[in-house]
Amino acid sequence: MITLKEKIRAARKLRGWTQKKLSEKTGIAQTVIARYENGIIPFGKNLDKLCVALEIPKNSLSSQSQISEIKSGFNEIEFDRRLKKLRRLPPEKQKIVNDFIAIILGL
């Protein structure tokens, strides 16, 4: 089962954002974002801010996600390589891929 910290990290990486970028989008300190990605559980307003910035429903952070299914066929290096490749696509193609991933993940 994919953990909350993995869901947050995966959603951030799918957007090509650094922790700093997510911090800027949410108003949550970068050190706090790092803590969430290391296992500290966000709650209250910070959880709401993460969901809004990452454009994901709150229940997707608290329930089993299909991210693990997508990543199951890749090792971490392969996953990161594919993300870098996606970032080099023209914006209109990135949008198509992001929309497709959102549909698969139910976002």
Protein backbone atom coordinates (compact mmCIF):
# COMPACT_ATOMS: atom_id res chain seq x y z
CA MET A 1 0.00 0.00 0.00
CA ILE A 2 1.36 3.40 -0.94
CA THR A 3 1.93 5.70 2.00
CA LEU A 4 0.76 9.28 2.38
CA LYS A 5 4.32 10.58 2.06
CA GLU A 6 4.72 8.69 -1.23
CA LYS A 7 1.42 10.10 -2.52
CA ILE A 8 2.48 13.66 -1.78
CA ARG A 9 5.91 13.17 -3.35
CA ALA A 10 4.46 11.44 -6.43
CA ALA A 11 1.82 14.14 -6.98
CA ARG A 12 4.51 16.82 -6.67
CA LYS A 13 6.88 15.04 -9.06
CA LEU A 14 4.12 14.41 -11.60
CA ARG A 15 3.84 18.19 -11.86
CA GLY A 16 7.60 18.57 -12.17
CA TRP A 17 7.73 20.64 -8.99
CA THR A 18 10.46 20.82 -6.42
CA GLN A 19 9.64 20.97 -2.73
CA LYS A 20 10.44 24.69 -2.96
CA LYS A 21 7.88 25.17 -5.76
CA LEU A 22 5.22 23.30 -3.76
CA SER A 23 6.10 25.47 -0.78
CA GLU A 24 5.56 28.60 -2.89
CA LYS A 25 2.24 27.29 -4.20
CA THR A 26 0.92 26.37 -0.75
CA GLY A 27 2.51 28.88 1.59
CA ILE A 28 3.77 25.92 3.64
CA ALA A 29 7.46 26.12 4.59
CA GLN A 30 9.75 23.96 2.47
CA THR A 31 11.06 22.28 5.61
CA VAL A 32 7.49 21.27 6.49
CA ILE A 33 6.94 19.89 2.97
CA ALA A 34 10.12 17.84 3.43
CA ARG A 35 8.80 16.52 6.75
CA TYR A 36 5.55 15.46 5.09
CA GLU A 37 7.55 13.61 2.44
CA ASN A 38 9.50 11.93 5.23
CA GLY A 39 6.42 10.65 7.03
CA ILE A 40 4.98 13.45 9.18
CA ILE A 41 1.21 13.52 8.58
CA PRO A 42 -0.29 16.82 7.37
CA PHE A 43 -3.66 17.82 8.77
CA GLY A 44 -6.11 20.71 8.88
CA LYS A 45 -5.34 23.72 6.74
CA ASN A 46 -2.00 22.37 5.51
CA LEU A 47 -3.68 19.24 4.18
CA ASP A 48 -6.27 21.44 2.45
CA LYS A 49 -3.51 23.63 0.95
CA LEU A 50 -1.66 20.58 -0.37
CA CYS A 51 -4.82 19.20 -1.97
CA VAL A 52 -5.62 22.52 -3.65
CA ALA A 53 -2.08 23.08 -4.94
CA LEU A 54 -1.67 19.50 -6.16
CA GLU A 55 -5.23 19.50 -7.54
CA ILE A 56 -6.14 16.29 -5.79
CA PRO A 57 -9.19 15.43 -3.69
CA LYS A 58 -8.56 15.11 0.04
CA ASN A 59 -9.82 11.53 0.07
CA SER A 60 -7.16 10.50 -2.47
CA LEU A 61 -4.50 11.28 0.12
CA SER A 62 -6.21 9.17 2.72
CA SER A 63 -7.21 6.20 0.53
CA GLN A 64 -5.32 3.69 -1.60
CA SER A 65 -4.07 5.30 -4.78
CA GLN A 66 -3.31 3.91 -8.21
CA ILE A 67 0.07 5.64 -8.18
CA SER A 68 1.56 2.43 -6.80
CA GLU A 69 0.16 0.52 -9.77
CA ILE A 70 1.72 2.97 -12.21
CA LYS A 71 5.06 2.89 -10.40
CA SER A 72 5.03 -0.88 -9.85
CA GLY A 73 6.40 -1.49 -13.34
CA PHE A 74 9.25 0.96 -12.89
CA ASN A 75 12.12 1.19 -10.52
CA GLU A 76 12.72 4.65 -9.05
CA ILE A 77 15.43 5.52 -11.60
CA GLU A 78 13.16 4.58 -14.53
CA PHE A 79 10.27 6.55 -13.01
CA ASP A 80 12.44 9.68 -12.65
CA ARG A 81 13.84 9.24 -16.19
CA ARG A 82 10.32 9.16 -17.62
CA LEU A 83 9.30 12.23 -15.64
CA LYS A 84 12.28 14.15 -17.03
CA LYS A 85 11.30 13.05 -20.53
CA LEU A 86 7.73 14.28 -19.98
CA ARG A 87 9.00 17.70 -18.85
CA ARG A 88 10.74 18.13 -22.23
CA LEU A 89 7.47 17.79 -24.13
CA PRO A 90 5.79 20.92 -25.50
CA PRO A 91 3.22 22.39 -23.06
CA GLU A 92 0.22 21.17 -25.05
CA LYS A 93 1.50 17.59 -25.01
CA GLN A 94 2.35 17.86 -21.31
CA LYS A 95 -1.25 18.86 -20.67
CA ILE A 96 -2.51 15.80 -22.57
CA VAL A 97 -0.24 13.49 -20.56
CA ASN A 98 -1.16 15.19 -17.26
CA ASP A 99 -4.88 14.93 -18.08
CA PHE A 100 -4.43 11.25 -18.90
CA ILE A 101 -2.60 10.60 -15.63
CA ALA A 102 -5.30 12.49 -13.72
CA ILE A 103 -7.97 10.28 -15.30
CA ILE A 104 -6.06 7.11 -14.41
CA LEU A 105 -5.54 8.30 -10.83
CA GLY A 106 -9.09 9.54 -10.51
CA LEU A 107 -7.95 13.09 -9.76
